[in-house]
Amino acid sequence: MIKMVILLLGCTLCGGLLAANPDKQTHKAGLDRACINARQQQTVQDKQQLIDACVRAGGKASRCQQQYASVGQRTGNERPYVSPLAPCQQAEAYRKSNRQ
């Protein structure tokens, strides 16, 4: 009887620990998603600024768009850089805090 109580108590505690993990994963995924969205928005703005500067310098709009079409795209097998944007800094800080 005591073994059964200990077993049930142990399973209850393990279940609580397992339930906490998906919450961390969900929170991490939300932070990562916010970072990706902020980075995409920043990339669109940066690309448009480059295109506008190119057109102001006398380039054709179509040529300038073609020239800067790949801005923000990942190249090769490199890890995406940690952006200085606030959502990305939050995601990186959360990732580092979970490693310890």
PDB file of N, CA and C in Angstrom:
ATOM      1  N   MET A   1       0.821  -1.188   0.000  1.00  0.00           N
ATOM      2  CA  MET A   1       0.000   0.000   0.000  1.00  0.00           C
ATOM      3  C   MET A   1       0.870   1.259   0.000  1.00  0.00           C
ATOM      4  N   ILE A   2       1.909   1.296   0.825  1.00  0.00           N
ATOM      5  CA  ILE A   2       2.795   2.454   0.891  1.00  0.00           C
ATOM      6  C   ILE A   2       3.546   2.599  -0.429  1.00  0.00           C
ATOM      7  N   LYS A   3       3.946   1.468  -1.028  1.00  0.00           N
ATOM      8  CA  LYS A   3       4.637   1.515  -2.317  1.00  0.00           C
ATOM      9  C   LYS A   3       3.722   2.112  -3.376  1.00  0.00           C
ATOM     10  N   MET A   4       2.452   1.767  -3.330  1.00  0.00           N
ATOM     11  CA  MET A   4       1.482   2.279  -4.289  1.00  0.00           C
ATOM     12  C   MET A   4       1.321   3.791  -4.134  1.00  0.00           C
ATOM     13  N   VAL A   5       1.255   4.279  -2.894  1.00  0.00           N
ATOM     14  CA  VAL A   5       1.123   5.713  -2.638  1.00  0.00           C
ATOM     15  C   VAL A   5       2.360   6.448  -3.135  1.00  0.00           C
ATOM     16  N   ILE A   6       3.534   5.899  -2.871  1.00  0.00           N
ATOM     17  CA  ILE A   6       4.779   6.516  -3.318  1.00  0.00           C
ATOM     18  C   ILE A   6       4.839   6.541  -4.848  1.00  0.00           C
ATOM     19  N   LEU A   7       4.426   5.459  -5.465  1.00  0.00           N
ATOM     20  CA  LEU A   7       4.414   5.388  -6.919  1.00  0.00           C
ATOM     21  C   LEU A   7       3.464   6.421  -7.515  1.00  0.00           C
ATOM     22  N   LEU A   8       2.263   6.534  -6.959  1.00  0.00           N
ATOM     23  CA  LEU A   8       1.295   7.514  -7.453  1.00  0.00           C
ATOM     24  C   LEU A   8       1.796   8.946  -7.241  1.00  0.00           C
ATOM     25  N   LEU A   9       2.397   9.191  -6.084  1.00  0.00           N
ATOM     26  CA  LEU A   9       2.931  10.513  -5.800  1.00  0.00           C
ATOM     27  C   LEU A   9       4.063  10.851  -6.777  1.00  0.00           C
ATOM     28  N   GLY A  10       4.928   9.893  -7.037  1.00  0.00           N
ATOM     29  CA  GLY A  10       6.028  10.085  -7.989  1.00  0.00           C
ATOM     30  C   GLY A  10       5.518  10.364  -9.391  1.00  0.00           C
ATOM     31  N   CYS A  11       4.496   9.646  -9.823  1.00  0.00           N
ATOM     32  CA  CYS A  11       3.929   9.866 -11.153  1.00  0.00           C
ATOM     33  C   CYS A  11       3.288  11.243 -11.259  1.00  0.00           C
ATOM     34  N   THR A  12       2.652  11.675 -10.182  1.00  0.00           N
ATOM     35  CA  THR A  12       2.034  12.996 -10.167  1.00  0.00           C
ATOM     36  C   THR A  12       3.088  14.086 -10.312  1.00  0.00           C
ATOM     37  N   LEU A  13       4.186  13.948  -9.584  1.00  0.00           N
ATOM     38  CA  LEU A  13       5.259  14.929  -9.674  1.00  0.00           C
ATOM     39  C   LEU A  13       5.903  14.929 -11.052  1.00  0.00           C
ATOM     40  N   CYS A  14       6.126  13.758 -11.629  1.00  0.00           N
ATOM     41  CA  CYS A  14       6.715  13.662 -12.963  1.00  0.00           C
ATOM     42  C   CYS A  14       5.795  14.291 -13.998  1.00  0.00           C
ATOM     43  N   GLY A  15       4.524  14.055 -13.853  1.00  0.00           N
ATOM     44  CA  GLY A  15       3.560  14.638 -14.783  1.00  0.00           C
ATOM     45  C   GLY A  15       3.593  16.148 -14.743  1.00  0.00           C
ATOM     46  N   GLY A  16       3.757  16.722 -13.558  1.00  0.00           N
ATOM     47  CA  GLY A  16       3.865  18.173 -13.422  1.00  0.00           C
ATOM     48  C   GLY A  16       5.111  18.713 -14.095  1.00  0.00           C
ATOM     49  N   LEU A  17       6.212  18.004 -13.979  1.00  0.00           N
ATOM     50  CA  LEU A  17       7.449  18.422 -14.630  1.00  0.00           C
ATOM     51  C   LEU A  17       7.342  18.335 -16.142  1.00  0.00           C
ATOM     52  N   LEU A  18       6.715  17.287 -16.620  1.00  0.00           N
ATOM     53  CA  LEU A  18       6.545  17.136 -18.057  1.00  0.00           C
ATOM     54  C   LEU A  18       5.600  18.188 -18.614  1.00  0.00           C
ATOM     55  N   ALA A  19       4.602  18.572 -17.856  1.00  0.00           N
ATOM     56  CA  ALA A  19       3.658  19.587 -18.311  1.00  0.00           C
ATOM     57  C   ALA A  19       4.322  20.960 -18.379  1.00  0.00           C
ATOM     58  N   ALA A  20       5.313  21.220 -17.524  1.00  0.00           N
ATOM     59  CA  ALA A  20       5.994  22.517 -17.524  1.00  0.00           C
ATOM     60  C   ALA A  20       6.846  22.690 -18.770  1.00  0.00           C
ATOM     61  N   ASN A  21       7.405  21.621 -19.294  1.00  0.00           N
ATOM     62  CA  ASN A  21       8.274  21.696 -20.456  1.00  0.00           C
ATOM     63  C   ASN A  21       7.565  22.236 -21.697  1.00  0.00           C
ATOM     64  N   PRO A  22       6.361  21.760 -22.038  1.00  0.00           N
ATOM     65  CA  PRO A  22       5.690  22.340 -23.210  1.00  0.00           C
ATOM     66  C   PRO A  22       5.407  23.832 -23.047  1.00  0.00           C
ATOM     67  N   ASP A  23       5.160  24.293 -21.817  1.00  0.00           N
ATOM     68  CA  ASP A  23       4.951  25.721 -21.605  1.00  0.00           C
ATOM     69  C   ASP A  23       6.212  26.504 -21.957  1.00  0.00           C
ATOM     70  N   LYS A  24       7.371  25.986 -21.578  1.00  0.00           N
ATOM     71  CA  LYS A  24       8.635  26.636 -21.924  1.00  0.00           C
ATOM     72  C   LYS A  24       8.837  26.630 -23.434  1.00  0.00           C
ATOM     73  N   GLN A  25       8.518  25.501 -24.054  1.00  0.00           N
ATOM     74  CA  GLN A  25       8.664  25.404 -25.510  1.00  0.00           C
ATOM     75  C   GLN A  25       7.727  26.371 -26.219  1.00  0.00           C
ATOM     76  N   THR A  26       6.512  26.489 -25.710  1.00  0.00           N
ATOM     77  CA  THR A  26       5.535  27.402 -26.306  1.00  0.00           C
ATOM     78  C   THR A  26       6.007  28.844 -26.153  1.00  0.00           C
ATOM     79  N   HIS A  27       6.534  29.169 -24.972  1.00  0.00           N
ATOM     80  CA  HIS A  27       7.038  30.526 -24.728  1.00  0.00           C
ATOM     81  C   HIS A  27       8.227  30.817 -25.641  1.00  0.00           C
ATOM     82  N   LYS A  28       9.143  29.857 -25.757  1.00  0.00           N
ATOM     83  CA  LYS A  28      10.315  30.015 -26.621  1.00  0.00           C
ATOM     84  C   LYS A  28       9.892  30.197 -28.072  1.00  0.00           C
ATOM     85  N   ALA A  29       8.925  29.400 -28.509  1.00  0.00           N
ATOM     86  CA  ALA A  29       8.435  29.508 -29.885  1.00  0.00           C
ATOM     87  C   ALA A  29       7.802  30.877 -30.135  1.00  0.00           C
ATOM     88  N   GLY A  30       7.081  31.394 -29.153  1.00  0.00           N
ATOM     89  CA  GLY A  30       6.483  32.718 -29.288  1.00  0.00           C
ATOM     90  C   GLY A  30       7.537  33.809 -29.398  1.00  0.00           C
ATOM     91  N   LEU A  31       8.587  33.710 -28.586  1.00  0.00           N
ATOM     92  CA  LEU A  31       9.677  34.687 -28.657  1.00  0.00           C
ATOM     93  C   LEU A  31      10.403  34.591 -29.998  1.00  0.00           C
ATOM     94  N   ASP A  32      10.643  33.365 -30.459  1.00  0.00           N
ATOM     95  CA  ASP A  32      11.304  33.173 -31.756  1.00  0.00           C
ATOM     96  C   ASP A  32      10.455  33.747 -32.888  1.00  0.00           C
ATOM     97  N   ARG A  33       9.145  33.521 -32.810  1.00  0.00           N
ATOM     98  CA  ARG A  33       8.232  34.030 -33.834  1.00  0.00           C
ATOM     99  C   ARG A  33       8.242  35.561 -33.856  1.00  0.00           C
ATOM    100  N   ALA A  34       8.252  36.177 -32.674  1.00  0.00           N
ATOM    101  CA  ALA A  34       8.301  37.642 -32.586  1.00  0.00           C
ATOM    102  C   ALA A  34       9.602  38.168 -33.187  1.00  0.00           C
ATOM    103  N   CYS A  35      10.702  37.470 -32.949  1.00  0.00           N
ATOM    104  CA  CYS A  35      11.995  37.860 -33.508  1.00  0.00           C
ATOM    105  C   CYS A  35      11.975  37.759 -35.036  1.00  0.00           C
ATOM    106  N   ILE A  36      11.464  36.662 -35.549  1.00  0.00           N
ATOM    107  CA  ILE A  36      11.396  36.472 -37.001  1.00  0.00           C
ATOM    108  C   ILE A  36      10.544  37.560 -37.641  1.00  0.00           C
ATOM    109  N   ASN A  37       9.408  37.859 -37.034  1.00  0.00           N
ATOM    110  CA  ASN A  37       8.531  38.902 -37.577  1.00  0.00           C
ATOM    111  C   ASN A  37       9.210  40.267 -37.576  1.00  0.00           C
ATOM    112  N   ALA A  38       9.884  40.598 -36.472  1.00  0.00           N
ATOM    113  CA  ALA A  38      10.581  41.887 -36.379  1.00  0.00           C
ATOM    114  C   ALA A  38      11.717  41.962 -37.390  1.00  0.00           C
ATOM    115  N   ARG A  39      12.436  40.849 -37.545  1.00  0.00           N
ATOM    116  CA  ARG A  39      13.548  40.814 -38.503  1.00  0.00           C
ATOM    117  C   ARG A  39      13.045  40.966 -39.938  1.00  0.00           C
ATOM    118  N   GLN A  40      11.916  40.302 -40.252  1.00  0.00           N
ATOM    119  CA  GLN A  40      11.349  40.420 -41.600  1.00  0.00           C
ATOM    120  C   GLN A  40      10.910  41.852 -41.879  1.00  0.00           C
ATOM    121  N   GLN A  41      10.275  42.467 -40.901  1.00  0.00           N
ATOM    122  CA  GLN A  41       9.827  43.846 -41.066  1.00  0.00           C
ATOM    123  C   GLN A  41      11.022  44.773 -41.267  1.00  0.00           C
ATOM    124  N   GLN A  42      12.076  44.572 -40.495  1.00  0.00           N
ATOM    125  CA  GLN A  42      13.280  45.391 -40.628  1.00  0.00           C
ATOM    126  C   GLN A  42      13.940  45.172 -41.986  1.00  0.00           C
ATOM    127  N   THR A  43      13.958  43.934 -42.444  1.00  0.00           N
ATOM    128  CA  THR A  43      14.561  43.614 -43.733  1.00  0.00           C
ATOM    129  C   THR A  43      13.816  44.305 -44.869  1.00  0.00           C
ATOM    130  N   VAL A  44      12.492  44.295 -44.809  1.00  0.00           N
ATOM    131  CA  VAL A  44      11.684  44.965 -45.839  1.00  0.00           C
ATOM    132  C   VAL A  44      12.005  46.462 -45.861  1.00  0.00           C
ATOM    133  N   GLN A  45      12.110  47.056 -44.685  1.00  0.00           N
ATOM    134  CA  GLN A  45      12.428  48.485 -44.609  1.00  0.00           C
ATOM    135  C   GLN A  45      13.829  48.764 -45.142  1.00  0.00           C
ATOM    136  N   ASP A  46      14.796  47.941 -44.758  1.00  0.00           N
ATOM    137  CA  ASP A  46      16.176  48.123 -45.218  1.00  0.00           C
ATOM    138  C   ASP A  46      16.270  47.967 -46.736  1.00  0.00           C
ATOM    139  N   LYS A  47      15.599  46.954 -47.258  1.00  0.00           N
ATOM    140  CA  LYS A  47      15.620  46.712 -48.700  1.00  0.00           C
ATOM    141  C   LYS A  47      15.016  47.898 -49.444  1.00  0.00           C
ATOM    142  N   GLN A  48      13.905  48.418 -48.941  1.00  0.00           N
ATOM    143  CA  GLN A  48      13.257  49.550 -49.603  1.00  0.00           C
ATOM    144  C   GLN A  48      14.147  50.789 -49.568  1.00  0.00           C
ATOM    145  N   GLN A  49      14.862  50.990 -48.467  1.00  0.00           N
ATOM    146  CA  GLN A  49      15.778  52.131 -48.381  1.00  0.00           C
ATOM    147  C   GLN A  49      16.907  52.003 -49.399  1.00  0.00           C
ATOM    148  N   LEU A  50      17.433  50.789 -49.568  1.00  0.00           N
ATOM    149  CA  LEU A  50      18.492  50.567 -50.553  1.00  0.00           C
ATOM    150  C   LEU A  50      17.984  50.809 -51.967  1.00  0.00           C
ATOM    151  N   ILE A  51      16.785  50.329 -52.259  1.00  0.00           N
ATOM    152  CA  ILE A  51      16.203  50.517 -53.590  1.00  0.00           C
ATOM    153  C   ILE A  51      15.960  52.001 -53.849  1.00  0.00           C
ATOM    154  N   ASP A  52      15.406  52.697 -52.858  1.00  0.00           N
ATOM    155  CA  ASP A  52      15.151  54.135 -53.014  1.00  0.00           C
ATOM    156  C   ASP A  52      16.447  54.906 -53.253  1.00  0.00           C
ATOM    157  N   ALA A  53      17.497  54.566 -52.518  1.00  0.00           N
ATOM    158  CA  ALA A  53      18.790  55.229 -52.696  1.00  0.00           C
ATOM    159  C   ALA A  53      19.353  54.944 -54.085  1.00  0.00           C
ATOM    160  N   CYS A  54      19.179  53.733 -54.557  1.00  0.00           N
ATOM    161  CA  CYS A  54      19.647  53.350 -55.888  1.00  0.00           C
ATOM    162  C   CYS A  54      18.913  54.154 -56.959  1.00  0.00           C
ATOM    163  N   VAL A  55      17.603  54.299 -56.819  1.00  0.00           N
ATOM    164  CA  VAL A  55      16.804  55.053 -57.787  1.00  0.00           C
ATOM    165  C   VAL A  55      17.189  56.538 -57.739  1.00  0.00           C
ATOM    166  N   ARG A  56      17.399  57.081 -56.529  1.00  0.00           N
ATOM    167  CA  ARG A  56      17.812  58.487 -56.395  1.00  0.00           C
ATOM    168  C   ARG A  56      19.179  58.728 -57.036  1.00  0.00           C
ATOM    169  N   ALA A  57      20.012  57.689 -57.042  1.00  0.00           N
ATOM    170  CA  ALA A  57      21.342  57.811 -57.641  1.00  0.00           C
ATOM    171  C   ALA A  57      21.297  57.673 -59.162  1.00  0.00           C
ATOM    172  N   GLY A  58      20.098  57.503 -59.720  1.00  0.00           N
ATOM    173  CA  GLY A  58      19.955  57.472 -61.171  1.00  0.00           C
ATOM    174  C   GLY A  58      19.695  56.098 -61.767  1.00  0.00           C
ATOM    175  N   GLY A  59      19.507  55.085 -60.933  1.00  0.00           N
ATOM    176  CA  GLY A  59      19.254  53.751 -61.454  1.00  0.00           C
ATOM    177  C   GLY A  59      17.790  53.547 -61.823  1.00  0.00           C
ATOM    178  N   LYS A  60      17.550  52.608 -62.719  1.00  0.00           N
ATOM    179  CA  LYS A  60      16.173  52.252 -63.064  1.00  0.00           C
ATOM    180  C   LYS A  60      15.576  51.467 -61.899  1.00  0.00           C
ATOM    181  N   ALA A  61      14.301  51.698 -61.633  1.00  0.00           N
ATOM    182  CA  ALA A  61      13.631  51.037 -60.508  1.00  0.00           C
ATOM    183  C   ALA A  61      13.697  49.522 -60.641  1.00  0.00           C
ATOM    184  N   SER A  62      13.463  48.994 -61.839  1.00  0.00           N
ATOM    185  CA  SER A  62      13.467  47.539 -62.028  1.00  0.00           C
ATOM    186  C   SER A  62      14.858  46.953 -61.785  1.00  0.00           C
ATOM    187  N   ARG A  63      15.895  47.663 -62.229  1.00  0.00           N
ATOM    188  CA  ARG A  63      17.270  47.191 -62.033  1.00  0.00           C
ATOM    189  C   ARG A  63      17.641  47.253 -60.548  1.00  0.00           C
ATOM    190  N   CYS A  64      17.231  48.318 -59.870  1.00  0.00           N
ATOM    191  CA  CYS A  64      17.535  48.458 -58.439  1.00  0.00           C
ATOM    192  C   CYS A  64      16.826  47.370 -57.634  1.00  0.00           C
ATOM    193  N   GLN A  65      15.573  47.082 -57.985  1.00  0.00           N
ATOM    194  CA  GLN A  65      14.844  46.017 -57.289  1.00  0.00           C
ATOM    195  C   GLN A  65      15.515  44.669 -57.507  1.00  0.00           C
ATOM    196  N   GLN A  66      15.965  44.433 -58.735  1.00  0.00           N
ATOM    197  CA  GLN A  66      16.647  43.177 -59.038  1.00  0.00           C
ATOM    198  C   GLN A  66      17.972  43.084 -58.273  1.00  0.00           C
ATOM    199  N   GLN A  67      18.680  44.210 -58.202  1.00  0.00           N
ATOM    200  CA  GLN A  67      19.983  44.229 -57.522  1.00  0.00           C
ATOM    201  C   GLN A  67      19.854  43.905 -56.034  1.00  0.00           C
ATOM    202  N   TYR A  68      18.785  44.368 -55.401  1.00  0.00           N
ATOM    203  CA  TYR A  68      18.621  44.179 -53.958  1.00  0.00           C
ATOM    204  C   TYR A  68      17.577  43.123 -53.606  1.00  0.00           C
ATOM    205  N   ALA A  69      17.224  42.296 -54.549  1.00  0.00           N
ATOM    206  CA  ALA A  69      16.207  41.262 -54.317  1.00  0.00           C
ATOM    207  C   ALA A  69      16.628  40.249 -53.253  1.00  0.00           C
ATOM    208  N   SER A  70      17.908  39.988 -53.122  1.00  0.00           N
ATOM    209  CA  SER A  70      18.364  38.954 -52.196  1.00  0.00           C
ATOM    210  C   SER A  70      18.686  39.486 -50.798  1.00  0.00           C
ATOM    211  N   VAL A  71      18.450  40.760 -50.543  1.00  0.00           N
ATOM    212  CA  VAL A  71      18.735  41.334 -49.219  1.00  0.00           C
ATOM    213  C   VAL A  71      17.890  40.621 -48.170  1.00  0.00           C
ATOM    214  N   GLY A  72      18.545  40.162 -47.118  1.00  0.00           N
ATOM    215  CA  GLY A  72      17.846  39.503 -46.024  1.00  0.00           C
ATOM    216  C   GLY A  72      17.708  38.005 -46.174  1.00  0.00           C
ATOM    217  N   GLN A  73      18.068  37.460 -47.319  1.00  0.00           N
ATOM    218  CA  GLN A  73      17.967  36.014 -47.504  1.00  0.00           C
ATOM    219  C   GLN A  73      19.189  35.339 -46.908  1.00  0.00           C
ATOM    220  N   ARG A  74      18.957  34.170 -46.355  1.00  0.00           N
ATOM    221  CA  ARG A  74      20.040  33.403 -45.747  1.00  0.00           C
ATOM    222  C   ARG A  74      20.915  32.812 -46.849  1.00  0.00           C
ATOM    223  N   THR A  75      22.220  32.880 -46.638  1.00  0.00           N
ATOM    224  CA  THR A  75      23.139  32.326 -47.626  1.00  0.00           C
ATOM    225  C   THR A  75      23.974  31.227 -46.996  1.00  0.00           C
ATOM    226  N   GLY A  76      24.133  30.152 -47.713  1.00  0.00           N
ATOM    227  CA  GLY A  76      24.976  29.068 -47.239  1.00  0.00           C
ATOM    228  C   GLY A  76      24.405  28.354 -46.034  1.00  0.00           C
ATOM    229  N   ASN A  77      25.307  27.855 -45.216  1.00  0.00           N
ATOM    230  CA  ASN A  77      24.940  27.035 -44.069  1.00  0.00           C
ATOM    231  C   ASN A  77      25.198  27.778 -42.758  1.00  0.00           C
ATOM    232  N   GLU A  78      25.182  29.092 -42.823  1.00  0.00           N
ATOM    233  CA  GLU A  78      25.510  29.871 -41.635  1.00  0.00           C
ATOM    234  C   GLU A  78      24.319  30.023 -40.701  1.00  0.00           C
ATOM    235  N   ARG A  79      24.617  30.186 -39.433  1.00  0.00           N
ATOM    236  CA  ARG A  79      23.582  30.420 -38.431  1.00  0.00           C
ATOM    237  C   ARG A  79      23.114  31.857 -38.576  1.00  0.00           C
ATOM    238  N   PRO A  80      21.802  32.094 -38.520  1.00  0.00           N
ATOM    239  CA  PRO A  80      21.328  33.470 -38.600  1.00  0.00           C
ATOM    240  C   PRO A  80      21.888  34.290 -37.439  1.00  0.00           C
ATOM    241  N   TYR A  81      22.288  35.497 -37.746  1.00  0.00           N
ATOM    242  CA  TYR A  81      22.869  36.334 -36.701  1.00  0.00           C
ATOM    243  C   TYR A  81      21.811  36.718 -35.669  1.00  0.00           C
ATOM    244  N   VAL A  82      22.270  37.046 -34.476  1.00  0.00           N
ATOM    245  CA  VAL A  82      21.362  37.515 -33.432  1.00  0.00           C
ATOM    246  C   VAL A  82      21.171  39.006 -33.671  1.00  0.00           C
ATOM    247  N   SER A  83      19.992  39.351 -34.041  1.00  0.00           N
ATOM    248  CA  SER A  83      19.668  40.718 -34.398  1.00  0.00           C
ATOM    249  C   SER A  83      19.661  41.621 -33.166  1.00  0.00           C
ATOM    250  N   PRO A  84      19.994  42.891 -33.349  1.00  0.00           N
ATOM    251  CA  PRO A  84      19.926  43.830 -32.231  1.00  0.00           C
ATOM    252  C   PRO A  84      18.497  44.268 -31.909  1.00  0.00           C
ATOM    253  N   LEU A  85      17.517  43.781 -32.650  1.00  0.00           N
ATOM    254  CA  LEU A  85      16.124  44.128 -32.381  1.00  0.00           C
ATOM    255  C   LEU A  85      15.696  43.563 -31.028  1.00  0.00           C
ATOM    256  N   ALA A  86      14.876  44.308 -30.323  1.00  0.00           N
ATOM    257  CA  ALA A  86      14.455  43.934 -28.966  1.00  0.00           C
ATOM    258  C   ALA A  86      13.838  42.531 -28.887  1.00  0.00           C
ATOM    259  N   PRO A  87      12.918  42.147 -29.789  1.00  0.00           N
ATOM    260  CA  PRO A  87      12.351  40.794 -29.683  1.00  0.00           C
ATOM    261  C   PRO A  87      13.409  39.693 -29.846  1.00  0.00           C
ATOM    262  N   CYS A  88      14.406  39.949 -30.666  1.00  0.00           N
ATOM    263  CA  CYS A  88      15.468  38.955 -30.866  1.00  0.00           C
ATOM    264  C   CYS A  88      16.377  38.870 -29.644  1.00  0.00           C
ATOM    265  N   GLN A  89      16.626  39.995 -29.028  1.00  0.00           N
ATOM    266  CA  GLN A  89      17.426  39.997 -27.805  1.00  0.00           C
ATOM    267  C   GLN A  89      16.700  39.254 -26.685  1.00  0.00           C
ATOM    268  N   GLN A  90      15.389  39.424 -26.608  1.00  0.00           N
ATOM    269  CA  GLN A  90      14.598  38.711 -25.596  1.00  0.00           C
ATOM    270  C   GLN A  90      14.652  37.209 -25.849  1.00  0.00           C
ATOM    271  N   ALA A  91      14.512  36.806 -27.111  1.00  0.00           N
ATOM    272  CA  ALA A  91      14.546  35.382 -27.447  1.00  0.00           C
ATOM    273  C   ALA A  91      15.905  34.774 -27.122  1.00  0.00           C
ATOM    274  N   GLU A  92      16.973  35.500 -27.431  1.00  0.00           N
ATOM    275  CA  GLU A  92      18.325  34.989 -27.162  1.00  0.00           C
ATOM    276  C   GLU A  92      18.582  34.909 -25.656  1.00  0.00           C
ATOM    277  N   ALA A  93      18.130  35.901 -24.909  1.00  0.00           N
ATOM    278  CA  ALA A  93      18.297  35.888 -23.454  1.00  0.00           C
ATOM    279  C   ALA A  93      17.542  34.711 -22.841  1.00  0.00           C
ATOM    280  N   TYR A  94      16.337  34.446 -23.321  1.00  0.00           N
ATOM    281  CA  TYR A  94      15.546  33.324 -22.812  1.00  0.00           C
ATOM    282  C   TYR A  94      16.226  31.998 -23.144  1.00  0.00           C
ATOM    283  N   ARG A  95      16.765  31.897 -24.355  1.00  0.00           N
ATOM    284  CA  ARG A  95      17.463  30.679 -24.767  1.00  0.00           C
ATOM    285  C   ARG A  95      18.679  30.433 -23.887  1.00  0.00           C
ATOM    286  N   LYS A  96      19.442  31.503 -23.598  1.00  0.00           N
ATOM    287  CA  LYS A  96      20.635  31.367 -22.755  1.00  0.00           C
ATOM    288  C   LYS A  96      20.268  31.037 -21.312  1.00  0.00           C
ATOM    289  N   SER A  97      19.169  31.597 -20.821  1.00  0.00           N
ATOM    290  CA  SER A  97      18.776  31.327 -19.434  1.00  0.00           C
ATOM    291  C   SER A  97      18.345  29.885 -19.248  1.00  0.00           C
ATOM    292  N   ASN A  98      17.840  29.256 -20.276  1.00  0.00           N
ATOM    293  CA  ASN A  98      17.417  27.853 -20.173  1.00  0.00           C
ATOM    294  C   ASN A  98      18.583  26.877 -20.309  1.00  0.00           C
ATOM    295  N   ARG A  99      19.723  27.351 -20.769  1.00  0.00           N
ATOM    296  CA  ARG A  99      20.898  26.478 -20.885  1.00  0.00           C
ATOM    297  C   ARG A  99      21.558  26.245 -19.543  1.00  0.00           C
ATOM    298  N   GLN A 100      21.395  27.184 -18.626  1.00  0.00           N
ATOM    299  CA  GLN A 100      22.102  27.096 -17.353  1.00  0.00           C
ATOM    300  C   GLN A 100      21.443  26.149 -16.406  1.00  0.00           C
TER     301      GLN A 100
END
